[in-house]
PDB file of N, CA and C in Angstrom:
ATOM      1  N   MET A   1     -19.423  -7.250  -8.466  1.00  0.00           N
ATOM      2  CA  MET A   1     -18.571  -5.088  -7.224  1.00  0.00           C
ATOM      3  C   MET A   1     -19.387  -4.514  -7.420  1.00  0.00           C
ATOM      4  N   GLY A   2     -19.939  -4.635  -5.837  1.00  0.00           N
ATOM      5  CA  GLY A   2     -20.627  -4.211  -5.344  1.00  0.00           C
ATOM      6  C   GLY A   2     -20.197  -2.489  -5.680  1.00  0.00           C
ATOM      7  N   PRO A   3     -21.063  -1.135  -5.350  1.00  0.00           N
ATOM      8  CA  PRO A   3     -21.464   0.160  -5.981  1.00  0.00           C
ATOM      9  C   PRO A   3     -19.817   0.629  -4.865  1.00  0.00           C
ATOM     10  N   THR A   4     -18.810  -0.245  -3.242  1.00  0.00           N
ATOM     11  CA  THR A   4     -18.449   0.731  -3.246  1.00  0.00           C
ATOM     12  C   THR A   4     -17.026   0.457  -3.299  1.00  0.00           C
ATOM     13  N   HIS A   5     -17.120  -1.158  -3.772  1.00  0.00           N
ATOM     14  CA  HIS A   5     -15.842  -1.852  -4.537  1.00  0.00           C
ATOM     15  C   HIS A   5     -15.106  -1.365  -5.268  1.00  0.00           C
ATOM     16  N   ARG A   6     -14.058  -0.650  -5.776  1.00  0.00           N
ATOM     17  CA  ARG A   6     -13.566  -0.237  -6.818  1.00  0.00           C
ATOM     18  C   ARG A   6     -12.075  -1.571  -7.274  1.00  0.00           C
ATOM     19  N   THR A   7     -11.712  -1.462  -8.552  1.00  0.00           N
ATOM     20  CA  THR A   7     -11.070  -2.502  -8.863  1.00  0.00           C
ATOM     21  C   THR A   7      -9.556  -2.058  -8.484  1.00  0.00           C
ATOM     22  N   SER A   8      -8.724  -2.836  -8.545  1.00  0.00           N
ATOM     23  CA  SER A   8      -6.907  -1.483  -8.301  1.00  0.00           C
ATOM     24  C   SER A   8      -6.621  -0.816  -9.356  1.00  0.00           C
ATOM     25  N   LEU A   9      -7.175  -0.864 -10.243  1.00  0.00           N
ATOM     26  CA  LEU A   9      -6.533   0.137 -11.476  1.00  0.00           C
ATOM     27  C   LEU A   9      -7.985   0.736 -11.304  1.00  0.00           C
ATOM     28  N   GLN A  10      -9.192   1.436 -10.589  1.00  0.00           N
ATOM     29  CA  GLN A  10      -9.440   2.378  -9.847  1.00  0.00           C
ATOM     30  C   GLN A  10      -8.875   3.000  -9.344  1.00  0.00           C
ATOM     31  N   GLN A  11      -7.892   2.507  -8.488  1.00  0.00           N
ATOM     32  CA  GLN A  11      -7.889   2.951  -6.915  1.00  0.00           C
ATOM     33  C   GLN A  11      -6.118   3.863  -7.177  1.00  0.00           C
ATOM     34  N   GLY A  12      -6.186   3.418  -8.971  1.00  0.00           N
ATOM     35  CA  GLY A  12      -4.543   4.256  -8.970  1.00  0.00           C
ATOM     36  C   GLY A  12      -3.589   2.984  -8.970  1.00  0.00           C
ATOM     37  N   LEU A  13      -4.086   2.102  -8.563  1.00  0.00           N
ATOM     38  CA  LEU A  13      -3.036   0.931  -8.781  1.00  0.00           C
ATOM     39  C   LEU A  13      -2.947  -0.668  -9.698  1.00  0.00           C
ATOM     40  N   ALA A  14      -2.515   0.029 -11.065  1.00  0.00           N
ATOM     41  CA  ALA A  14      -2.244  -0.760 -12.189  1.00  0.00           C
ATOM     42  C   ALA A  14      -1.858  -1.503 -12.362  1.00  0.00           C
ATOM     43  N   ASN A  15      -1.706  -3.040 -12.651  1.00  0.00           N
ATOM     44  CA  ASN A  15      -0.864  -4.009 -12.758  1.00  0.00           C
ATOM     45  C   ASN A  15      -0.471  -4.321 -11.784  1.00  0.00           C
ATOM     46  N   VAL A  16      -1.123  -4.212 -10.747  1.00  0.00           N
ATOM     47  CA  VAL A  16      -1.137  -4.963  -9.707  1.00  0.00           C
ATOM     48  C   VAL A  16      -0.207  -6.438  -9.219  1.00  0.00           C
ATOM     49  N   ALA A  17       1.323  -7.256  -8.982  1.00  0.00           N
ATOM     50  CA  ALA A  17       1.193  -8.285  -8.934  1.00  0.00           C
ATOM     51  C   ALA A  17       0.834  -9.050  -7.623  1.00  0.00           C
ATOM     52  N   GLN A  18       1.423  -8.050  -6.544  1.00  0.00           N
ATOM     53  CA  GLN A  18       1.986  -9.100  -5.638  1.00  0.00           C
ATOM     54  C   GLN A  18       2.679 -10.361  -5.185  1.00  0.00           C
ATOM     55  N   ARG A  19       3.421  -9.933  -5.610  1.00  0.00           N
ATOM     56  CA  ARG A  19       4.149 -11.443  -6.170  1.00  0.00           C
ATOM     57  C   ARG A  19       4.477 -11.924  -4.666  1.00  0.00           C
ATOM     58  N   PRO A  20       3.840 -13.400  -4.946  1.00  0.00           N
ATOM     59  CA  PRO A  20       3.940 -14.718  -4.198  1.00  0.00           C
ATOM     60  C   PRO A  20       5.802 -14.405  -3.214  1.00  0.00           C
ATOM     61  N   ASP A  21       6.322 -14.089  -3.955  1.00  0.00           N
ATOM     62  CA  ASP A  21       7.895 -14.218  -2.969  1.00  0.00           C
ATOM     63  C   ASP A  21       7.911 -12.877  -3.330  1.00  0.00           C
ATOM     64  N   ARG A  22       7.787 -12.406  -2.412  1.00  0.00           N
ATOM     65  CA  ARG A  22       8.138 -10.678  -1.935  1.00  0.00           C
ATOM     66  C   ARG A  22       7.340 -10.248  -1.206  1.00  0.00           C
ATOM     67  N   VAL A  23       7.736  -9.522   0.672  1.00  0.00           N
ATOM     68  CA  VAL A  23       6.990  -9.005   0.786  1.00  0.00           C
ATOM     69  C   VAL A  23       7.358  -7.442   0.718  1.00  0.00           C
ATOM     70  N   TYR A  24       5.838  -6.254   0.798  1.00  0.00           N
ATOM     71  CA  TYR A  24       6.252  -5.391   0.060  1.00  0.00           C
ATOM     72  C   TYR A  24       5.398  -5.140   1.832  1.00  0.00           C
ATOM     73  N   VAL A  25       6.312  -3.391   2.296  1.00  0.00           N
ATOM     74  CA  VAL A  25       6.507  -2.547   3.199  1.00  0.00           C
ATOM     75  C   VAL A  25       6.623  -0.956   2.659  1.00  0.00           C
ATOM     76  N   THR A  26       5.870  -0.122   3.281  1.00  0.00           N
ATOM     77  CA  THR A  26       5.845   0.856   3.082  1.00  0.00           C
ATOM     78  C   THR A  26       6.823   1.957   4.305  1.00  0.00           C
ATOM     79  N   THR A  27       7.222   4.136   4.163  1.00  0.00           N
ATOM     80  CA  THR A  27       6.809   3.880   5.404  1.00  0.00           C
ATOM     81  C   THR A  27       6.492   5.084   5.763  1.00  0.00           C
ATOM     82  N   ASN A  28       5.053   4.587   5.113  1.00  0.00           N
ATOM     83  CA  ASN A  28       4.384   6.385   5.079  1.00  0.00           C
ATOM     84  C   ASN A  28       2.659   5.278   5.959  1.00  0.00           C
ATOM     85  N   ARG A  29       2.400   5.382   6.938  1.00  0.00           N
ATOM     86  CA  ARG A  29       1.419   4.176   7.160  1.00  0.00           C
ATOM     87  C   ARG A  29      -0.142   4.600   6.687  1.00  0.00           C
ATOM     88  N   ASN A  30      -0.206   5.753   6.222  1.00  0.00           N
ATOM     89  CA  ASN A  30      -1.112   6.063   5.837  1.00  0.00           C
ATOM     90  C   ASN A  30      -1.955   4.870   4.735  1.00  0.00           C
ATOM     91  N   VAL A  31      -0.066   4.619   3.948  1.00  0.00           N
ATOM     92  CA  VAL A  31      -0.363   4.209   2.381  1.00  0.00           C
ATOM     93  C   VAL A  31      -0.715   2.770   3.396  1.00  0.00           C
ATOM     94  N   ALA A  32       0.013   1.985   4.193  1.00  0.00           N
ATOM     95  CA  ALA A  32       0.117   0.813   4.962  1.00  0.00           C
ATOM     96  C   ALA A  32      -1.054   0.461   5.125  1.00  0.00           C
ATOM     97  N   TRP A  33      -2.049   2.008   5.777  1.00  0.00           N
ATOM     98  CA  TRP A  33      -4.180   1.069   6.072  1.00  0.00           C
ATOM     99  C   TRP A  33      -4.209   1.542   5.385  1.00  0.00           C
ATOM    100  N   ALA A  34      -4.418   1.643   3.785  1.00  0.00           N
ATOM    101  CA  ALA A  34      -5.102   1.479   2.761  1.00  0.00           C
ATOM    102  C   ALA A  34      -4.897   0.221   2.130  1.00  0.00           C
ATOM    103  N   PHE A  35      -3.652  -0.342   2.057  1.00  0.00           N
ATOM    104  CA  PHE A  35      -3.300  -1.772   1.292  1.00  0.00           C
ATOM    105  C   PHE A  35      -3.816  -2.807   2.677  1.00  0.00           C
ATOM    106  N   ALA A  36      -3.609  -2.909   3.850  1.00  0.00           N
ATOM    107  CA  ALA A  36      -4.228  -3.131   5.336  1.00  0.00           C
ATOM    108  C   ALA A  36      -5.677  -3.479   4.154  1.00  0.00           C
ATOM    109  N   SER A  37      -6.031  -2.740   4.069  1.00  0.00           N
ATOM    110  CA  SER A  37      -7.536  -1.988   4.401  1.00  0.00           C
ATOM    111  C   SER A  37      -8.132  -2.876   2.737  1.00  0.00           C
ATOM    112  N   ASN A  38      -7.179  -2.699   2.018  1.00  0.00           N
ATOM    113  CA  ASN A  38      -8.299  -4.121   0.386  1.00  0.00           C
ATOM    114  C   ASN A  38      -7.314  -5.533   0.777  1.00  0.00           C
ATOM    115  N   TRP A  39      -6.962  -5.513   1.615  1.00  0.00           N
ATOM    116  CA  TRP A  39      -6.784  -6.814   1.570  1.00  0.00           C
ATOM    117  C   TRP A  39      -7.105  -8.408   1.483  1.00  0.00           C
ATOM    118  N   LEU A  40      -6.846  -9.098  -0.150  1.00  0.00           N
ATOM    119  CA  LEU A  40      -8.212  -9.978   0.106  1.00  0.00           C
ATOM    120  C   LEU A  40      -8.263 -11.370   0.444  1.00  0.00           C
ATOM    121  N   ALA A  41      -9.531 -11.766   1.111  1.00  0.00           N
ATOM    122  CA  ALA A  41      -8.722 -13.344   2.230  1.00  0.00           C
ATOM    123  C   ALA A  41      -9.403 -14.107   1.335  1.00  0.00           C
ATOM    124  N   PRO A  42      -9.128 -15.164   1.316  1.00  0.00           N
ATOM    125  CA  PRO A  42      -8.830 -16.127   0.444  1.00  0.00           C
ATOM    126  C   PRO A  42     -10.384 -16.436  -0.278  1.00  0.00           C
ATOM    127  N   ASP A  43     -11.920 -15.624   0.467  1.00  0.00           N
ATOM    128  CA  ASP A  43     -13.035 -16.310   0.406  1.00  0.00           C
ATOM    129  C   ASP A  43     -13.698 -14.924  -0.192  1.00  0.00           C
ATOM    130  N   GLY A  44     -12.743 -13.880  -0.698  1.00  0.00           N
ATOM    131  CA  GLY A  44     -13.685 -13.195  -1.516  1.00  0.00           C
ATOM    132  C   GLY A  44     -13.665 -12.212  -0.628  1.00  0.00           C
ATOM    133  N   ARG A  45     -13.208 -12.245   0.501  1.00  0.00           N
ATOM    134  CA  ARG A  45     -14.112 -10.970   1.239  1.00  0.00           C
ATOM    135  C   ARG A  45     -12.776  -9.714   1.092  1.00  0.00           C
ATOM    136  N   ARG A  46     -13.166  -8.224   1.216  1.00  0.00           N
ATOM    137  CA  ARG A  46     -11.492  -7.782   1.680  1.00  0.00           C
ATOM    138  C   ARG A  46     -11.809  -6.615   3.019  1.00  0.00           C
ATOM    139  N   GLY A  47     -10.419  -6.325   2.959  1.00  0.00           N
ATOM    140  CA  GLY A  47     -10.901  -5.796   4.088  1.00  0.00           C
ATOM    141  C   GLY A  47      -9.731  -6.831   5.660  1.00  0.00           C
ATOM    142  N   GLY A  48      -9.713  -6.873   6.844  1.00  0.00           N
ATOM    143  CA  GLY A  48      -8.681  -7.773   7.776  1.00  0.00           C
ATOM    144  C   GLY A  48      -6.851  -7.801   7.717  1.00  0.00           C
ATOM    145  N   GLY A  49      -6.767  -6.969   6.846  1.00  0.00           N
ATOM    146  CA  GLY A  49      -5.480  -7.640   6.337  1.00  0.00           C
ATOM    147  C   GLY A  49      -4.589  -6.270   7.619  1.00  0.00           C
ATOM    148  N   GLY A  50      -3.024  -6.716   8.033  1.00  0.00           N
ATOM    149  CA  GLY A  50      -2.894  -6.373   9.490  1.00  0.00           C
ATOM    150  C   GLY A  50      -2.042  -5.322   8.949  1.00  0.00           C
ATOM    151  N   LEU A  51      -1.324  -4.640   9.793  1.00  0.00           N
ATOM    152  CA  LEU A  51      -0.427  -3.365   9.948  1.00  0.00           C
ATOM    153  C   LEU A  51       1.276  -4.399  10.478  1.00  0.00           C
ATOM    154  N   TYR A  52       2.187  -3.817  10.228  1.00  0.00           N
ATOM    155  CA  TYR A  52       3.331  -4.237  10.936  1.00  0.00           C
ATOM    156  C   TYR A  52       3.926  -3.838  11.158  1.00  0.00           C
ATOM    157  N   LEU A  53       5.602  -3.511  11.788  1.00  0.00           N
ATOM    158  CA  LEU A  53       6.024  -2.455  11.650  1.00  0.00           C
ATOM    159  C   LEU A  53       6.650  -4.049  12.216  1.00  0.00           C
ATOM    160  N   VAL A  54       7.980  -3.603  10.185  1.00  0.00           N
ATOM    161  CA  VAL A  54       8.505  -4.425  10.295  1.00  0.00           C
ATOM    162  C   VAL A  54      10.131  -3.633   9.840  1.00  0.00           C
ATOM    163  N   GLU A  55      11.353  -4.994  10.246  1.00  0.00           N
ATOM    164  CA  GLU A  55      12.668  -4.298   9.477  1.00  0.00           C
ATOM    165  C   GLU A  55      13.234  -5.263   8.463  1.00  0.00           C
ATOM    166  N   THR A  56      14.141  -4.274   7.629  1.00  0.00           N
ATOM    167  CA  THR A  56      14.770  -5.700   5.945  1.00  0.00           C
ATOM    168  C   THR A  56      15.876  -5.987   5.795  1.00  0.00           C
ATOM    169  N   THR A  57      17.396  -5.602   5.678  1.00  0.00           N
ATOM    170  CA  THR A  57      18.171  -5.641   5.520  1.00  0.00           C
ATOM    171  C   THR A  57      17.927  -5.483   4.004  1.00  0.00           C
ATOM    172  N   SER A  58      17.300  -6.023   3.125  1.00  0.00           N
ATOM    173  CA  SER A  58      17.276  -5.700   1.819  1.00  0.00           C
ATOM    174  C   SER A  58      15.684  -4.689   1.000  1.00  0.00           C
ATOM    175  N   TYR A  59      15.867  -4.288   0.425  1.00  0.00           N
ATOM    176  CA  TYR A  59      14.713  -3.745  -0.094  1.00  0.00           C
ATOM    177  C   TYR A  59      14.805  -2.764  -1.596  1.00  0.00           C
ATOM    178  N   GLU A  60      13.698  -3.520  -2.753  1.00  0.00           N
ATOM    179  CA  GLU A  60      13.683  -2.987  -3.838  1.00  0.00           C
ATOM    180  C   GLU A  60      12.438  -2.011  -4.120  1.00  0.00           C
ATOM    181  N   PRO A  61      12.471  -0.692  -5.343  1.00  0.00           N
ATOM    182  CA  PRO A  61      11.225  -1.071  -4.971  1.00  0.00           C
ATOM    183  C   PRO A  61      10.029  -0.668  -5.718  1.00  0.00           C
ATOM    184  N   ASP A  62       9.149  -1.441  -4.921  1.00  0.00           N
ATOM    185  CA  ASP A  62       7.766  -1.456  -5.326  1.00  0.00           C
ATOM    186  C   ASP A  62       8.309  -1.190  -7.041  1.00  0.00           C
ATOM    187  N   GLU A  63       7.982  -2.895  -7.819  1.00  0.00           N
ATOM    188  CA  GLU A  63       7.646  -2.336  -8.986  1.00  0.00           C
ATOM    189  C   GLU A  63       6.023  -2.015  -9.377  1.00  0.00           C
ATOM    190  N   ASP A  64       5.443  -2.191  -8.495  1.00  0.00           N
ATOM    191  CA  ASP A  64       3.755  -1.762  -8.648  1.00  0.00           C
ATOM    192  C   ASP A  64       3.454  -0.576  -8.511  1.00  0.00           C
ATOM    193  N   MET A  65       4.146   0.148  -7.745  1.00  0.00           N
ATOM    194  CA  MET A  65       4.237   1.356  -6.670  1.00  0.00           C
ATOM    195  C   MET A  65       5.652   2.434  -7.720  1.00  0.00           C
ATOM    196  N   LEU A  66       5.638   2.388  -8.815  1.00  0.00           N
ATOM    197  CA  LEU A  66       6.742   3.222  -8.425  1.00  0.00           C
ATOM    198  C   LEU A  66       6.346   4.685  -8.488  1.00  0.00           C
ATOM    199  N   SER A  67       5.232   4.965  -8.685  1.00  0.00           N
ATOM    200  CA  SER A  67       5.261   6.782  -8.597  1.00  0.00           C
ATOM    201  C   SER A  67       5.000   7.113  -7.111  1.00  0.00           C
ATOM    202  N   LEU A  68       5.708   5.678  -5.952  1.00  0.00           N
ATOM    203  CA  LEU A  68       5.879   6.058  -4.937  1.00  0.00           C
ATOM    204  C   LEU A  68       6.944   5.342  -4.627  1.00  0.00           C
ATOM    205  N   ARG A  69       7.860   5.844  -5.367  1.00  0.00           N
ATOM    206  CA  ARG A  69       9.268   4.745  -4.978  1.00  0.00           C
ATOM    207  C   ARG A  69      10.184   4.767  -3.934  1.00  0.00           C
ATOM    208  N   ASP A  70       9.517   6.683  -3.628  1.00  0.00           N
ATOM    209  CA  ASP A  70      10.412   6.995  -2.914  1.00  0.00           C
ATOM    210  C   ASP A  70       9.597   6.074  -1.088  1.00  0.00           C
ATOM    211  N   GLU A  71       8.830   5.659  -1.305  1.00  0.00           N
ATOM    212  CA  GLU A  71       7.785   4.853   0.432  1.00  0.00           C
ATOM    213  C   GLU A  71       7.447   3.548  -0.036  1.00  0.00           C
ATOM    214  N   ASN A  72       7.800   3.032  -0.863  1.00  0.00           N
ATOM    215  CA  ASN A  72       6.821   2.235  -0.947  1.00  0.00           C
ATOM    216  C   ASN A  72       7.651   0.873  -2.005  1.00  0.00           C
ATOM    217  N   PHE A  73       8.681  -0.839  -1.618  1.00  0.00           N
ATOM    218  CA  PHE A  73       9.588  -1.198  -1.115  1.00  0.00           C
ATOM    219  C   PHE A  73       9.136  -2.661  -1.317  1.00  0.00           C
ATOM    220  N   GLN A  74       9.648  -2.998  -1.758  1.00  0.00           N
ATOM    221  CA  GLN A  74       9.547  -5.137  -2.190  1.00  0.00           C
ATOM    222  C   GLN A  74      10.796  -5.701  -1.343  1.00  0.00           C
ATOM    223  N   CYS A  75      10.495  -6.752  -0.464  1.00  0.00           N
ATOM    224  CA  CYS A  75      11.967  -7.247   0.275  1.00  0.00           C
ATOM    225  C   CYS A  75      11.315  -8.836  -0.381  1.00  0.00           C
ATOM    226  N   VAL A  76      13.104  -9.726   0.419  1.00  0.00           N
ATOM    227  CA  VAL A  76      12.318 -10.818   0.700  1.00  0.00           C
ATOM    228  C   VAL A  76      11.992 -11.683   1.313  1.00  0.00           C
ATOM    229  N   GLU A  77      12.146 -11.032   2.541  1.00  0.00           N
ATOM    230  CA  GLU A  77      11.622 -10.957   4.520  1.00  0.00           C
ATOM    231  C   GLU A  77      11.657  -9.840   5.040  1.00  0.00           C
ATOM    232  N   ALA A  78      11.073 -10.370   5.750  1.00  0.00           N
ATOM    233  CA  ALA A  78      10.947  -8.697   6.476  1.00  0.00           C
ATOM    234  C   ALA A  78      10.523  -9.722   8.400  1.00  0.00           C
ATOM    235  N   THR A  79      10.946  -9.304   8.759  1.00  0.00           N
ATOM    236  CA  THR A  79      10.826  -9.507  10.437  1.00  0.00           C
ATOM    237  C   THR A  79       9.789  -8.515  11.407  1.00  0.00           C
ATOM    238  N   VAL A  80       8.839  -9.058  11.031  1.00  0.00           N
ATOM    239  CA  VAL A  80       7.881  -8.062  12.239  1.00  0.00           C
ATOM    240  C   VAL A  80       8.262  -8.176  13.973  1.00  0.00           C
ATOM    241  N   ILE A  81       8.553  -7.001  14.247  1.00  0.00           N
ATOM    242  CA  ILE A  81       8.804  -6.414  15.166  1.00  0.00           C
ATOM    243  C   ILE A  81       8.024  -6.294  16.389  1.00  0.00           C
ATOM    244  N   LEU A  82       6.906  -5.282  15.671  1.00  0.00           N
ATOM    245  CA  LEU A  82       5.063  -4.782  16.113  1.00  0.00           C
ATOM    246  C   LEU A  82       4.355  -5.562  15.354  1.00  0.00           C
ATOM    247  N   THR A  83       2.646  -5.862  16.070  1.00  0.00           N
ATOM    248  CA  THR A  83       1.317  -6.077  14.968  1.00  0.00           C
ATOM    249  C   THR A  83       1.088  -4.830  15.355  1.00  0.00           C
ATOM    250  N   ALA A  84       0.816  -4.075  14.775  1.00  0.00           N
ATOM    251  CA  ALA A  84      -0.550  -2.990  15.564  1.00  0.00           C
ATOM    252  C   ALA A  84      -2.264  -3.329  14.725  1.00  0.00           C
ATOM    253  N   GLY A  85      -2.388  -4.410  14.931  1.00  0.00           N
ATOM    254  CA  GLY A  85      -3.335  -4.817  14.288  1.00  0.00           C
ATOM    255  C   GLY A  85      -4.013  -5.456  13.276  1.00  0.00           C
ATOM    256  N   THR A  86      -5.454  -5.011  13.066  1.00  0.00           N
ATOM    257  CA  THR A  86      -5.527  -5.630  11.465  1.00  0.00           C
ATOM    258  C   THR A  86      -7.176  -4.529  11.474  1.00  0.00           C
ATOM    259  N   VAL A  87      -7.592  -4.463  10.088  1.00  0.00           N
ATOM    260  CA  VAL A  87      -8.268  -2.943   9.625  1.00  0.00           C
ATOM    261  C   VAL A  87      -9.058  -4.002   8.631  1.00  0.00           C
ATOM    262  N   LYS A  88     -10.448  -2.365   8.542  1.00  0.00           N
ATOM    263  CA  LYS A  88     -11.216  -2.619   8.228  1.00  0.00           C
ATOM    264  C   LYS A  88     -11.560  -2.426   6.932  1.00  0.00           C
ATOM    265  N   TYR A  89     -11.997  -2.784   6.170  1.00  0.00           N
ATOM    266  CA  TYR A  89     -12.105  -2.134   4.035  1.00  0.00           C
ATOM    267  C   TYR A  89     -12.995  -0.703   4.436  1.00  0.00           C
ATOM    268  N   ASP A  90     -12.575   0.019   3.949  1.00  0.00           N
ATOM    269  CA  ASP A  90     -13.693   1.267   3.977  1.00  0.00           C
ATOM    270  C   ASP A  90     -12.648   1.780   2.487  1.00  0.00           C
ATOM    271  N   ALA A  91     -13.232   1.685   1.450  1.00  0.00           N
ATOM    272  CA  ALA A  91     -13.376   2.004   0.377  1.00  0.00           C
ATOM    273  C   ALA A  91     -12.709   3.315  -0.171  1.00  0.00           C
ATOM    274  N   ARG A  92     -13.141   4.045   0.207  1.00  0.00           N
ATOM    275  CA  ARG A  92     -12.665   5.875  -0.055  1.00  0.00           C
ATOM    276  C   ARG A  92     -11.722   6.191   0.391  1.00  0.00           C
ATOM    277  N   ARG A  93     -11.295   5.835   2.180  1.00  0.00           N
ATOM    278  CA  ARG A  93     -10.562   6.076   2.632  1.00  0.00           C
ATOM    279  C   ARG A  93      -9.383   5.508   1.770  1.00  0.00           C
ATOM    280  N   ILE A  94      -9.602   3.864   1.158  1.00  0.00           N
ATOM    281  CA  ILE A  94      -8.758   3.945   0.836  1.00  0.00           C
ATOM    282  C   ILE A  94      -8.250   4.952  -0.766  1.00  0.00           C
ATOM    283  N   HIS A  95      -9.370   4.945  -1.524  1.00  0.00           N
ATOM    284  CA  HIS A  95      -8.992   6.151  -2.962  1.00  0.00           C
ATOM    285  C   HIS A  95      -8.384   7.501  -2.401  1.00  0.00           C
ATOM    286  N   ARG A  96      -8.456   7.852  -1.332  1.00  0.00           N
ATOM    287  CA  ARG A  96      -8.520   9.465  -0.841  1.00  0.00           C
ATOM    288  C   ARG A  96      -6.472   8.518  -0.649  1.00  0.00           C
ATOM    289  N   ILE A  97      -6.362   7.986   0.461  1.00  0.00           N
ATOM    290  CA  ILE A  97      -4.589   7.828   0.773  1.00  0.00           C
ATOM    291  C   ILE A  97      -3.560   7.883  -0.283  1.00  0.00           C
ATOM    292  N   ILE A  98      -4.531   6.956  -1.240  1.00  0.00           N
ATOM    293  CA  ILE A  98      -3.573   6.230  -2.386  1.00  0.00           C
ATOM    294  C   ILE A  98      -3.300   7.531  -3.496  1.00  0.00           C
ATOM    295  N   GLY A  99      -4.592   8.523  -3.357  1.00  0.00           N
ATOM    296  CA  GLY A  99      -4.784   9.405  -4.421  1.00  0.00           C
ATOM    297  C   GLY A  99      -3.569  11.088  -3.514  1.00  0.00           C
ATOM    298  N   ASP A 100      -4.054  11.208  -2.522  1.00  0.00           N
ATOM    299  CA  ASP A 100      -2.520  12.089  -1.444  1.00  0.00           C
ATOM    300  C   ASP A 100      -2.050  12.075  -1.627  1.00  0.00           C
ATOM    301  N   ALA A 101      -1.305  10.493  -1.613  1.00  0.00           N
ATOM    302  CA  ALA A 101       0.344   9.996  -1.101  1.00  0.00           C
ATOM    303  C   ALA A 101       0.806  10.549  -2.557  1.00  0.00           C
ATOM    304  N   THR A 102      -0.082   9.702  -3.889  1.00  0.00           N
ATOM    305  CA  THR A 102       0.387   9.870  -5.153  1.00  0.00           C
ATOM    306  C   THR A 102       0.438  11.606  -5.407  1.00  0.00           C
ATOM    307  N   ALA A 103      -0.229  12.631  -5.215  1.00  0.00           N
ATOM    308  CA  ALA A 103      -0.134  13.646  -5.689  1.00  0.00           C
ATOM    309  C   ALA A 103       0.583  14.650  -4.954  1.00  0.00           C
ATOM    310  N   ARG A 104       1.285  13.954  -3.376  1.00  0.00           N
ATOM    311  CA  ARG A 104       2.280  14.350  -3.043  1.00  0.00           C
ATOM    312  C   ARG A 104       2.856  14.522  -3.177  1.00  0.00           C
ATOM    313  N   LEU A 105       3.456  13.061  -3.048  1.00  0.00           N
ATOM    314  CA  LEU A 105       5.404  12.885  -4.886  1.00  0.00           C
ATOM    315  C   LEU A 105       5.591  13.698  -5.694  1.00  0.00           C
ATOM    316  N   GLU A 106       4.096  13.315  -6.360  1.00  0.00           N
ATOM    317  CA  GLU A 106       4.286  14.584  -7.430  1.00  0.00           C
ATOM    318  C   GLU A 106       4.968  15.657  -7.408  1.00  0.00           C
ATOM    319  N   ARG A 107       3.982  16.607  -7.234  1.00  0.00           N
ATOM    320  CA  ARG A 107       5.103  17.786  -6.056  1.00  0.00           C
ATOM    321  C   ARG A 107       5.783  18.405  -5.894  1.00  0.00           C
ATOM    322  N   ALA A 108       6.502  17.234  -5.415  1.00  0.00           N
ATOM    323  CA  ALA A 108       7.467  16.745  -4.556  1.00  0.00           C
ATOM    324  C   ALA A 108       9.092  16.924  -6.023  1.00  0.00           C
ATOM    325  N   LYS A 109       8.508  16.317  -7.103  1.00  0.00           N
ATOM    326  CA  LYS A 109       9.112  15.996  -8.363  1.00  0.00           C
ATOM    327  C   LYS A 109       9.544  17.045  -9.011  1.00  0.00           C
ATOM    328  N   ARG A 110       8.032  17.704  -9.453  1.00  0.00           N
ATOM    329  CA  ARG A 110       8.392  19.349  -9.644  1.00  0.00           C
ATOM    330  C   ARG A 110       8.488  20.501  -8.973  1.00  0.00           C
ATOM    331  N   GLY A 111       8.881  19.906  -7.484  1.00  0.00           N
ATOM    332  CA  GLY A 111      10.509  21.140  -6.520  1.00  0.00           C
ATOM    333  C   GLY A 111       9.290  21.146  -5.799  1.00  0.00           C
ATOM    334  N   HIS A 112       7.974  21.245  -5.171  1.00  0.00           N
ATOM    335  CA  HIS A 112       7.392  21.578  -4.037  1.00  0.00           C
ATOM    336  C   HIS A 112       7.649  21.178  -3.183  1.00  0.00           C
ATOM    337  N   HIS A 113       8.457  21.298  -2.215  1.00  0.00           N
ATOM    338  CA  HIS A 113       9.005  20.332  -1.310  1.00  0.00           C
ATOM    339  C   HIS A 113       8.710  20.817   0.071  1.00  0.00           C
ATOM    340  N   SER A 114       6.604  20.734  -0.355  1.00  0.00           N
ATOM    341  CA  SER A 114       6.010  20.644   1.089  1.00  0.00           C
ATOM    342  C   SER A 114       5.176  19.514   1.112  1.00  0.00           C
ATOM    343  N   LEU A 115       6.272  17.902   2.057  1.00  0.00           N
ATOM    344  CA  LEU A 115       5.598  16.852   1.484  1.00  0.00           C
ATOM    345  C   LEU A 115       4.815  16.557   2.879  1.00  0.00           C
TER     346      LEU A 115
END
């Protein structure tokens, strides 16, 4: 593991399941970028994941991201409406985005309405 590589646990993503029978979606473009950036290719390289605008008819909270349950969902299928490209791996930006999103939602839960 290189010096800039962080495990899912270090990124605040403990026990990430990545079920092959689910599509993972978010309403937060920055969070989508973070997950696309952290995509793991079959050859072990990180990055190169795609950003997509999708439609889905049915979804449920993402089991792995319950702290971000108002933004992150899993579904059986989604229809791609627009492909927005691929993103490079950037561990620092991933960590910052996920940390910021989690902190923002925690503040909202405590009654601070500045999302």
